[in-house]
Protein backbone atom coordinates (compact mmCIF):
# COMPACT_ATOMS: atom_id res chain seq x y z
CA UNK A 1 -122.34 9.89 0.11
CA UNK A 2 -122.83 11.56 3.45
CA UNK A 3 -125.71 13.71 5.15
CA UNK A 4 -125.28 16.95 6.56
CA UNK A 5 -128.00 19.38 8.20
CA UNK A 6 -125.95 22.56 8.28
CA UNK A 7 -122.74 24.07 6.81
CA UNK A 8 -120.96 27.18 6.33
CA UNK A 9 -119.19 28.74 3.24
CA UNK A 10 -115.46 29.18 3.62
CA UNK A 11 -114.18 30.69 0.37
CA UNK A 12 -110.46 30.96 1.26
CA UNK A 13 -108.21 28.99 3.40
CA UNK A 14 -104.48 29.86 3.65
CA UNK A 15 -102.42 27.05 1.88
CA UNK A 16 -99.94 26.81 4.70
CA UNK A 17 -102.08 26.05 7.70
CA UNK A 18 -101.83 22.42 9.03
CA UNK A 19 -104.48 19.69 8.55
CA UNK A 20 -105.10 19.65 12.40
CA UNK A 21 -105.60 23.33 12.30
CA UNK A 22 -107.74 23.04 9.22
CA UNK A 23 -109.88 20.28 10.80
CA UNK A 24 -110.36 22.55 13.96
CA UNK A 25 -111.30 25.41 11.66
CA UNK A 26 -113.78 23.30 9.76
CA UNK A 27 -115.46 22.31 12.91
CA UNK A 28 -115.75 25.74 14.14
CA UNK A 29 -117.23 27.05 10.89
CA UNK A 30 -119.55 24.29 10.85
CA UNK A 31 -120.93 25.46 14.16
CA UNK A 32 -121.13 28.89 12.64
CA UNK A 33 -122.99 27.64 9.61
CA UNK A 34 -125.72 26.30 12.01
CA UNK A 35 -126.05 29.66 13.17
CA UNK A 36 -126.32 31.06 9.63
CA UNK A 37 -128.99 28.49 8.59
CA UNK A 38 -130.72 29.09 11.98
CA UNK A 39 -130.81 32.80 11.12
CA UNK A 40 -132.77 31.68 7.84
CA UNK A 41 -134.90 29.26 9.73
CA UNK A 42 -137.40 31.62 11.30
CA UNK A 43 -140.66 30.47 12.66
CA UNK A 44 -142.07 29.56 9.43
CA UNK A 45 -139.41 26.81 8.71
CA UNK A 46 -138.84 23.43 10.06
CA UNK A 47 -135.65 21.32 9.68
CA UNK A 48 -135.47 19.44 6.58
CA UNK A 49 -133.31 16.63 5.29
CA UNK A 50 -130.58 17.13 2.54
CA UNK A 51 -127.84 14.70 1.41
CA UNK A 52 -125.05 15.16 -1.47
CA UNK A 53 -121.52 14.54 -2.07
CA UNK A 54 -119.78 16.40 0.55
CA UNK A 55 -116.18 16.64 -0.75
CA UNK A 56 -114.24 16.00 -3.93
CA UNK A 57 -111.71 17.21 -6.38
CA UNK A 58 -112.18 19.69 -9.21
CA UNK A 59 -114.34 19.78 -11.13
CA UNK A 60 -116.83 18.41 -8.56
CA UNK A 61 -120.34 17.42 -9.72
CA UNK A 62 -122.94 17.13 -6.82
CA UNK A 63 -126.35 15.76 -7.07
CA UNK A 64 -128.53 16.98 -4.09
CA UNK A 65 -131.25 14.84 -2.67
CA UNK A 66 -134.11 15.86 -0.67
CA UNK A 67 -134.55 13.00 2.28
CA UNK A 68 -137.66 14.49 3.55
CA UNK A 69 -140.43 12.08 2.52
CA UNK A 70 -143.26 13.64 0.52
CA UNK A 71 -141.39 16.87 0.17
CA UNK A 72 -142.36 19.14 -2.89
CA UNK A 73 -141.29 22.43 -4.37
CA UNK A 74 -137.61 21.64 -3.75
CA UNK A 75 -135.24 24.51 -4.51
CA UNK A 76 -131.58 25.12 -3.92
CA UNK A 77 -128.92 27.74 -3.26
CA UNK A 78 -125.49 26.11 -4.19
CA UNK A 79 -123.38 29.03 -2.82
CA UNK A 80 -125.04 30.71 0.26
CA UNK A 81 -122.81 33.35 1.72
CA UNK A 82 -125.09 34.69 4.59
CA UNK A 83 -127.77 37.14 4.89
CA UNK A 84 -131.37 37.09 3.31
CA UNK A 85 -131.89 34.92 0.51
CA UNK A 86 -133.23 36.47 -2.79
CA UNK A 87 -135.84 34.03 -4.10
CA UNK A 88 -134.56 34.72 -7.69
CA UNK A 89 -131.28 33.06 -6.71
CA UNK A 90 -132.95 29.72 -6.05
CA UNK A 91 -133.05 27.04 -8.59
CA UNK A 92 -134.87 23.78 -8.93
CA UNK A 93 -131.70 22.15 -10.38
CA UNK A 94 -130.36 19.32 -8.27
CA UNK A 95 -127.07 18.98 -10.17
CA UNK A 96 -124.27 21.47 -9.67
CA UNK A 97 -120.63 21.33 -11.01
CA UNK A 98 -118.28 23.35 -8.89
CA UNK A 99 -115.30 24.87 -10.97
CA UNK A 100 -113.37 26.56 -8.14
CA UNK A 101 -111.91 25.17 -5.03
CA UNK A 102 -113.24 26.19 -1.62
CA UNK A 103 -115.94 25.41 0.98
CA UNK A 104 -119.46 25.98 -0.15
CA UNK A 105 -122.66 26.26 1.79
CA UNK A 106 -125.64 24.49 0.19
CA UNK A 107 -129.20 25.46 1.19
CA UNK A 108 -132.22 23.33 0.29
CA UNK A 109 -135.73 24.87 0.55
CA UNK A 110 -138.86 22.56 0.29
CA UNK A 111 -142.49 22.23 1.53
CA UNK A 112 -144.70 19.46 2.78
CA UNK A 113 -148.29 19.60 3.83
CA UNK A 114 -148.27 23.39 3.67
CA UNK A 115 -145.10 23.57 5.96
CA UNK A 116 -141.91 24.98 4.86
CA UNK A 117 -138.63 23.23 5.33
CA UNK A 118 -135.09 24.41 5.41
CA UNK A 119 -131.81 22.22 5.34
CA UNK A 120 -128.15 23.14 4.92
CA UNK A 121 -124.89 21.15 4.36
CA UNK A 122 -121.13 21.97 3.56
CA UNK A 123 -119.42 21.06 0.26
CA UNK A 124 -115.63 20.84 0.15
CA UNK A 125 -114.13 21.28 -3.36
CA UNK A 126 -110.42 20.54 -3.32
CA UNK A 127 -107.81 21.74 -6.16
CA UNK A 128 -105.78 19.21 -7.89
CA UNK A 129 -102.85 21.42 -8.62
CA UNK A 130 -99.31 19.63 -8.77
CA UNK A 131 -97.25 20.24 -5.66
CA UNK A 132 -94.61 22.96 -5.93
CA UNK A 133 -91.64 21.22 -4.89
CA UNK A 134 -87.88 21.01 -5.54
CA UNK A 135 -85.19 18.30 -4.86
CA UNK A 136 -81.76 19.06 -3.36
CA UNK A 137 -78.85 16.86 -2.72
CA UNK A 138 -77.82 16.00 0.78
CA UNK A 139 -74.43 15.62 2.08
CA UNK A 140 -74.69 11.77 2.69
CA UNK A 141 -75.84 10.88 -0.77
CA UNK A 142 -79.55 11.26 0.01
CA UNK A 143 -82.04 13.72 -1.43
CA UNK A 144 -84.40 16.12 0.31
CA UNK A 145 -87.75 17.32 -1.19
CA UNK A 146 -88.55 20.82 -0.12
CA UNK A 147 -92.16 21.98 -0.61
CA UNK A 148 -92.85 25.79 -1.35
CA UNK A 149 -94.79 26.97 1.75
CA UNK A 150 -96.79 29.45 -0.52
CA UNK A 151 -97.99 26.82 -2.87
CA UNK A 152 -101.83 27.33 -3.41
CA UNK A 153 -102.92 23.90 -2.45
CA UNK A 154 -102.60 22.25 0.85
CA UNK A 155 -102.48 18.48 0.81
CA UNK A 156 -102.81 16.60 4.14
CA UNK A 157 -100.74 13.65 2.44
CA UNK A 158 -98.03 13.45 -0.11
CA UNK A 159 -97.29 10.41 -2.26
CA UNK A 160 -93.80 10.02 -3.50
CA UNK A 161 -92.39 7.55 -5.98
CA UNK A 162 -88.69 7.86 -5.43
CA UNK A 163 -87.84 6.08 -8.68
CA UNK A 164 -86.14 3.13 -7.23
CA UNK A 165 -89.36 1.01 -6.68
CA UNK A 166 -90.04 2.65 -3.27
CA UNK A 167 -93.49 4.50 -3.07
CA UNK A 168 -94.25 6.08 0.17
CA UNK A 169 -96.84 8.25 1.77
CA UNK A 170 -95.78 11.14 3.96
CA UNK A 171 -97.91 13.55 6.18
CA UNK A 172 -98.33 17.21 4.80
CA UNK A 173 -97.36 18.83 8.04
CA UNK A 174 -93.72 19.58 7.23
CA UNK A 175 -92.04 21.32 4.38
CA UNK A 176 -89.20 18.86 3.83
CA UNK A 177 -88.97 15.06 3.13
CA UNK A 178 -85.51 13.22 3.19
CA UNK A 179 -84.79 10.11 1.50
CA UNK A 180 -81.65 7.96 1.20
CA UNK A 181 -80.53 6.28 -2.10
CA UNK A 182 -78.54 3.17 -2.42
CA UNK A 183 -76.38 4.31 -5.22
CA UNK A 184 -75.31 7.65 -6.87
CA UNK A 185 -77.19 7.72 -10.10
CA UNK A 186 -80.15 9.46 -11.93
CA UNK A 187 -83.72 8.93 -10.56
CA UNK A 188 -87.12 10.09 -11.80
CA UNK A 189 -89.06 11.19 -8.66
CA UNK A 190 -93.06 11.55 -8.90
CA UNK A 191 -94.61 13.57 -6.29
CA UNK A 192 -98.47 14.12 -5.77
CA UNK A 193 -100.66 15.29 -3.05
CA UNK A 194 -103.70 13.36 -1.71
CA UNK A 195 -106.74 14.88 -0.13
CA UNK A 196 -107.98 12.72 2.92
CA UNK A 197 -111.80 12.88 2.14
CA UNK A 198 -112.48 10.42 -0.70
CA UNK A 199 -108.52 9.98 -1.20
CA UNK A 200 -108.90 12.62 -3.89
CA UNK A 201 -105.47 12.72 -5.61
CA UNK A 202 -103.77 15.91 -7.16
CA UNK A 203 -101.76 16.18 -10.44
CA UNK A 204 -98.20 14.67 -10.40
CA UNK A 205 -94.80 16.74 -10.16
CA UNK A 206 -92.04 15.06 -11.92
CA UNK A 207 -88.45 15.65 -10.93
CA UNK A 208 -85.35 14.24 -12.36
CA UNK A 209 -82.67 13.96 -9.54
CA UNK A 210 -78.98 12.91 -10.04
CA UNK A 211 -77.14 11.90 -6.92
CA UNK A 212 -73.79 13.49 -6.94
CA UNK A 213 -70.77 11.75 -6.08
CA UNK A 214 -69.40 14.81 -4.20
CA UNK A 215 -70.82 18.11 -3.07
CA UNK A 216 -68.55 21.16 -2.60
CA UNK A 217 -69.02 23.03 0.58
CA UNK A 218 -69.48 26.81 0.55
CA UNK A 219 -66.48 28.90 0.90
CA UNK A 220 -65.54 32.39 1.90
CA UNK A 221 -63.21 33.73 -1.07
CA UNK A 222 -62.47 37.17 0.12
CA UNK A 223 -62.56 39.37 3.34
CA UNK A 224 -61.77 42.93 2.86
CA UNK A 225 -61.56 45.30 5.95
CA UNK A 226 -63.83 48.58 5.64
CA UNK A 227 -62.97 49.90 9.05
CA UNK A 228 -61.01 48.92 12.06
CA UNK A 229 -63.58 46.41 13.02
CA UNK A 230 -65.91 45.83 9.98
CA UNK A 231 -65.25 43.78 6.94
CA UNK A 232 -67.00 42.63 3.87
CA UNK A 233 -67.07 38.82 3.12
CA UNK A 234 -67.51 37.44 -0.49
CA UNK A 235 -68.95 34.04 -0.44
CA UNK A 236 -69.26 31.07 -3.01
CA UNK A 237 -72.22 28.75 -2.74
CA UNK A 238 -73.02 25.90 -4.80
CA UNK A 239 -75.61 24.28 -2.51
CA UNK A 240 -79.24 24.77 -2.77
CA UNK A 241 -79.62 26.05 0.77
CA UNK A 242 -79.30 29.26 2.83
CA UNK A 243 -76.08 29.75 4.90
CA UNK A 244 -75.40 30.56 8.40
CA UNK A 245 -72.42 32.82 9.27
CA UNK A 246 -70.58 31.81 12.40
CA UNK A 247 -67.83 33.63 14.08
CA UNK A 248 -65.00 32.47 16.23
CA UNK A 249 -61.41 32.47 17.20
CA UNK A 250 -58.33 31.04 15.63
CA UNK A 251 -58.51 28.06 17.98
CA UNK A 252 -61.63 26.82 16.02
CA UNK A 253 -64.34 27.58 18.59
CA UNK A 254 -67.25 29.18 16.76
CA UNK A 255 -70.64 30.78 17.67
CA UNK A 256 -73.71 31.84 15.67
CA UNK A 257 -73.71 35.49 14.62
CA UNK A 258 -77.48 35.87 13.80
CA UNK A 259 -76.65 36.46 10.09
CA UNK A 260 -78.07 34.29 7.47
CA UNK A 261 -77.26 34.39 3.63
CA UNK A 262 -79.77 33.69 1.08
CA UNK A 263 -79.21 30.80 -1.42
CA UNK A 264 -78.07 33.24 -4.07
CA UNK A 265 -76.43 35.88 -1.84
CA UNK A 266 -72.61 36.31 -2.38
CA UNK A 267 -71.63 39.19 0.07
CA UNK A 268 -72.26 39.94 3.69
CA UNK A 269 -70.92 42.65 6.12
CA UNK A 270 -69.82 41.36 9.53
CA UNK A 271 -67.96 42.76 12.66
CA UNK A 272 -64.71 41.69 14.28
CA UNK A 273 -64.91 41.17 18.02
CA UNK A 274 -61.40 42.16 19.05
CA UNK A 275 -59.14 40.68 20.18
CA UNK A 276 -60.22 37.09 19.78
CA UNK A 277 -63.24 36.74 17.48
CA UNK A 278 -61.56 37.43 14.23
CA UNK A 279 -62.60 34.22 12.26
CA UNK A 280 -65.44 33.30 10.19
CA UNK A 281 -66.96 30.07 8.60
CA UNK A 282 -70.26 29.16 6.86
CA UNK A 283 -72.78 26.53 8.01
CA UNK A 284 -75.44 25.26 5.59
CA UNK A 285 -78.91 26.06 7.15
CA UNK A 286 -80.40 22.80 5.80
CA UNK A 287 -79.99 19.97 8.34
CA UNK A 288 -79.11 17.39 5.43
CA UNK A 289 -76.16 19.64 4.57
CA UNK A 290 -75.02 20.85 7.84
CA UNK A 291 -71.83 18.73 7.82
CA UNK A 292 -70.48 20.75 4.78
CA UNK A 293 -69.22 23.69 6.54
CA UNK A 294 -66.75 25.98 4.92
CA UNK A 295 -63.08 26.17 5.76
CA UNK A 296 -62.66 28.80 8.38
CA UNK A 297 -60.89 32.17 7.40
CA UNK A 298 -59.40 34.69 9.76
CA UNK A 299 -58.55 38.55 9.61
CA UNK A 300 -55.08 39.60 10.38
CA UNK A 301 -53.93 42.66 12.37
CA UNK A 302 -52.02 45.40 10.63
CA UNK A 303 -50.78 48.77 11.74
CA UNK A 304 -48.47 51.55 10.35
CA UNK A 305 -46.64 54.14 12.29
CA UNK A 306 -44.35 56.95 10.75
CA UNK A 307 -41.85 59.51 11.49
CA UNK A 308 -39.93 61.76 9.40
CA UNK A 309 -37.04 59.26 9.10
CA UNK A 310 -39.05 55.99 8.50
CA UNK A 311 -42.25 54.22 8.41
CA UNK A 312 -42.81 51.27 10.51
CA UNK A 313 -45.13 48.59 9.37
CA UNK A 314 -46.25 45.77 11.92
CA UNK A 315 -48.65 42.83 11.34
CA UNK A 316 -50.02 39.80 13.38
CA UNK A 317 -51.38 36.80 11.52
CA UNK A 318 -52.83 34.31 14.06
CA UNK A 319 -54.32 31.73 11.48
CA UNK A 320 -51.52 30.33 9.33
CA UNK A 321 -52.89 27.30 7.37
CA UNK A 322 -50.68 25.24 4.97
CA UNK A 323 -49.94 27.18 1.76
CA UNK A 324 -50.33 30.59 3.16
CA UNK A 325 -48.73 33.71 1.45
CA UNK A 326 -48.66 36.98 3.14
CA UNK A 327 -47.30 40.26 1.40
CA UNK A 328 -47.30 43.77 2.14
CA UNK A 329 -48.26 46.05 -0.70
CA UNK A 330 -46.96 49.75 -0.97
CA UNK A 331 -49.12 51.99 -3.20
CA UNK A 332 -50.81 48.83 -4.69
CA UNK A 333 -47.66 46.98 -5.49
CA UNK A 334 -45.96 44.16 -3.74
CA UNK A 335 -43.35 45.45 -1.44
CA UNK A 336 -42.33 42.98 1.23
CA UNK A 337 -43.16 39.28 1.45
CA UNK A 338 -43.62 38.46 5.06
CA UNK A 339 -44.92 34.82 4.57
CA UNK A 340 -41.96 33.39 6.55
CA UNK A 341 -42.05 36.02 9.30
CA UNK A 342 -44.11 33.90 11.65
CA UNK A 343 -47.21 34.86 13.65
CA UNK A 344 -46.11 38.45 13.87
CA UNK A 345 -43.44 40.87 12.72
CA UNK A 346 -42.49 44.39 11.60
CA UNK A 347 -40.76 46.07 8.68
CA UNK A 348 -39.06 49.47 8.18
CA UNK A 349 -39.54 51.65 5.02
CA UNK A 350 -37.19 54.61 4.46
CA UNK A 351 -37.94 54.97 0.89
CA UNK A 352 -40.64 57.56 0.73
CA UNK A 353 -40.97 61.15 -0.45
CA UNK A 354 -41.75 63.91 2.16
CA UNK A 355 -45.25 65.61 1.44
CA UNK A 356 -46.58 62.78 -0.63
CA UNK A 357 -48.88 60.23 0.71
CA UNK A 358 -47.87 56.66 0.84
CA UNK A 359 -50.10 53.72 1.42
CA UNK A 360 -49.69 50.17 2.90
CA UNK A 361 -51.80 47.08 2.91
CA UNK A 362 -51.50 43.54 4.17
CA UNK A 363 -52.73 40.93 1.70
CA UNK A 364 -52.91 37.34 3.13
CA UNK A 365 -53.73 34.41 0.69
CA UNK A 366 -54.34 30.63 1.31
CA UNK A 367 -56.26 28.45 -1.09
CA UNK A 368 -59.04 30.28 -2.76
CA UNK A 369 -59.30 32.94 -0.13
CA UNK A 370 -57.66 36.35 0.14
CA UNK A 371 -57.72 38.74 3.15
CA UNK A 372 -57.07 42.56 2.54
CA UNK A 373 -56.29 44.52 5.55
CA UNK A 374 -57.57 48.19 5.84
CA UNK A 375 -55.16 50.25 3.81
CA UNK A 376 -53.12 52.46 5.98
CA UNK A 377 -51.91 55.72 4.37
CA UNK A 378 -49.19 58.36 5.90
CA UNK A 379 -47.95 61.66 4.84
CA UNK A 380 -44.86 63.21 6.24
CA UNK A 381 -45.13 66.96 6.20
CA UNK A 382 -42.39 68.79 4.38
CA UNK A 383 -41.44 70.75 7.45
CA UNK A 384 -40.75 67.66 9.36
CA UNK A 385 -38.02 66.43 6.86
CA UNK A 386 -34.51 67.07 7.21
CA UNK A 387 -33.00 67.87 3.74
CA UNK A 388 -29.62 66.05 3.58
CA UNK A 389 -28.30 63.22 1.28
CA UNK A 390 -29.97 60.19 2.54
CA UNK A 391 -26.68 58.13 1.77
CA UNK A 392 -23.25 57.74 2.43
CA UNK A 393 -20.27 57.39 0.11
CA UNK A 394 -16.89 56.67 1.26
CA UNK A 395 -14.13 58.86 0.32
CA UNK A 396 -11.47 56.13 -0.47
CA UNK A 397 -11.46 52.44 -1.22
CA UNK A 398 -8.69 49.94 -2.26
CA UNK A 399 -9.50 47.36 -4.92
CA UNK A 400 -6.57 45.22 -4.31
CA UNK A 401 -8.25 41.91 -3.80
CA UNK A 402 -7.53 41.66 -0.10
CA UNK A 403 -11.39 41.47 0.84
CA UNK A 404 -11.23 44.82 2.47
CA UNK A 405 -12.85 47.79 0.95
CA UNK A 406 -12.28 46.31 -2.54
CA UNK A 407 -15.39 47.92 -4.08
CA UNK A 408 -17.08 51.49 -3.74
CA UNK A 409 -20.68 51.00 -2.48
CA UNK A 410 -23.11 53.68 -1.66
CA UNK A 411 -24.82 52.94 1.78
CA UNK A 412 -28.04 54.39 2.84
CA UNK A 413 -31.60 54.84 1.45
CA UNK A 414 -31.92 55.96 -2.08
CA UNK A 415 -35.00 56.60 -4.06
CA UNK A 416 -35.51 54.70 -7.18
CA UNK A 417 -34.82 57.84 -9.19
CA UNK A 418 -30.94 57.80 -8.95
CA UNK A 419 -27.88 58.03 -11.00
CA UNK A 420 -24.13 57.98 -10.28
CA UNK A 421 -21.25 58.92 -12.73
CA UNK A 422 -17.51 58.71 -11.94
CA UNK A 423 -15.14 60.63 -13.97
CA UNK A 424 -11.21 60.73 -14.30
CA UNK A 425 -9.29 63.88 -14.14
CA UNK A 426 -10.01 64.79 -17.78
CA UNK A 427 -13.77 64.59 -17.18
CA UNK A 428 -14.20 61.16 -19.05
CA UNK A 429 -17.07 59.14 -17.71
CA UNK A 430 -15.45 55.89 -16.47
CA UNK A 431 -18.68 54.48 -14.57
CA UNK A 432 -22.32 55.13 -14.58
CA UNK A 433 -25.26 53.33 -12.98
CA UNK A 434 -28.98 54.13 -12.16
CA UNK A 435 -29.09 51.20 -9.78
CA UNK A 436 -28.31 52.34 -6.12
CA UNK A 437 -27.40 48.68 -5.36
CA UNK A 438 -24.62 48.62 -8.00
CA UNK A 439 -21.00 49.01 -6.87
CA UNK A 440 -17.72 50.12 -8.59
CA UNK A 441 -14.83 47.79 -8.55
CA UNK A 442 -12.16 50.60 -9.88
CA UNK A 443 -12.00 49.21 -13.45
CA UNK A 444 -12.81 50.73 -16.82
CA UNK A 445 -13.46 48.40 -19.68
CA UNK A 446 -12.36 45.51 -17.51
CA UNK A 447 -9.01 47.11 -16.94
CA UNK A 448 -7.53 48.21 -13.50
CA UNK A 449 -7.41 51.93 -13.19
CA UNK A 450 -4.28 53.60 -11.53
CA UNK A 451 -4.38 54.96 -8.00
CA UNK A 452 -5.59 58.56 -7.76
CA UNK A 453 -8.47 60.87 -7.33
CA UNK A 454 -11.71 60.42 -9.24
CA UNK A 455 -14.52 62.79 -9.08
CA UNK A 456 -18.24 61.68 -8.95
CA UNK A 457 -21.71 63.21 -9.42
CA UNK A 458 -24.73 61.76 -7.92
CA UNK A 459 -28.20 62.82 -8.98
CA UNK A 460 -31.11 61.74 -6.70
CA UNK A 461 -34.73 62.49 -5.64
CA UNK A 462 -34.85 63.61 -2.04
CA UNK A 463 -37.87 63.01 0.36
CA UNK A 464 -39.12 66.64 -0.41
CA UNK A 465 -39.77 65.65 -4.18
CA UNK A 466 -36.97 67.74 -5.27
CA UNK A 467 -34.06 66.73 -7.81
CA UNK A 468 -30.64 67.34 -5.99
CA UNK A 469 -26.98 66.68 -7.22
CA UNK A 470 -24.14 65.73 -4.88
CA UNK A 471 -20.69 66.09 -6.13
CA UNK A 472 -17.34 65.08 -4.55
CA UNK A 473 -14.28 62.87 -5.09
CA UNK A 474 -13.22 59.62 -3.87
CA UNK A 475 -9.43 58.31 -3.78
CA UNK A 476 -8.43 54.88 -5.24
CA UNK A 477 -5.74 53.15 -3.42
CA UNK A 478 -3.56 50.30 -4.87
């Protein structure tokens, strides 16, 4: 039981302010309350004396006492909000049950020996809601309690039963409490808030927490270029924390990007800072998970240049961790495996059709990560192409087993749509193939053919997209 002369009503206090700030506000508003009561206390009133329970938890029942000896006609206003007092709002009841949390100004009117008296006091009613809190695992086998900053009830102190015989009190200034367990198993955690005045305790929040034996760090599973310098990153995060995106070089030096991913966010766009800052990694924002950084990933340089005769594809892969695989795709299909080419290299493509678009893309994979370069597409105008057979066929060969010109083989660049047929002098087909890499050994049905002249017909698709036929003859020597 405490006595107070003046008080002021404070109906709503934000739940996120600190106890120190709250105490300051209470003191300030108490001073203002004096002014409010002083406004009521005109010349007809003298200062009375009132006492009651000044604080407590919901539902709070208070009994008001008039400590002025000999006072009569005592009346009360349990929730004064400023301004003039309507006499009809006064009650002779001395007991009131407050059903809502807040700060109330209680005003007492009384009389003695024909003199009117006035007294004021503050009543603080605190809520008993269970704390809004969750438990997350820490990298070192510990646990961290994270309190919701928007929870409706502000407690100056929290009492935590960690479920391993340890019970501790913590100040309510921070949002997080960290604790280290001795063994990885399941624990029942009980958290409750405690209001300092009167040690009023709130309801209990119960949490079941299992200390994991291992925690998986976040990972970047895909990087896809969307322009020459921008890329989309796809991430995987099993940790209960936000992630900080870091950018750096292939030598392992990283800086903050200023970008943060939400706990459930799985994509983010970022920018390369050429030529060096082409790598990225994820850092957990929570301090107890900070050491669980993701494996770094890096973008690769890719370029395509074309002429009427050939397309030149070049690449540079600065980051080459174990298990890397690098492939150049042509029109969405694997075309050239460049895994063993080293940090950089180039390749030439002569198998394309003039007037038709052809697209190339570098795809690099290691572990669960895949990088997709910007797709580079070229189209050689028909006017730039020279229409001539893109291959060479010798006019003679000698399949005699001496190791020199023993087979008839086509040299040059051929489209996949190709067919060759070789005939004898009576027009009988002796050899046919639709594979440009196949050669003829001068045999028919595994039998050696005699020396002589043999005609051939080659049907192929040229770079302009037209089907052409080349006819000629080859001499077989013995």
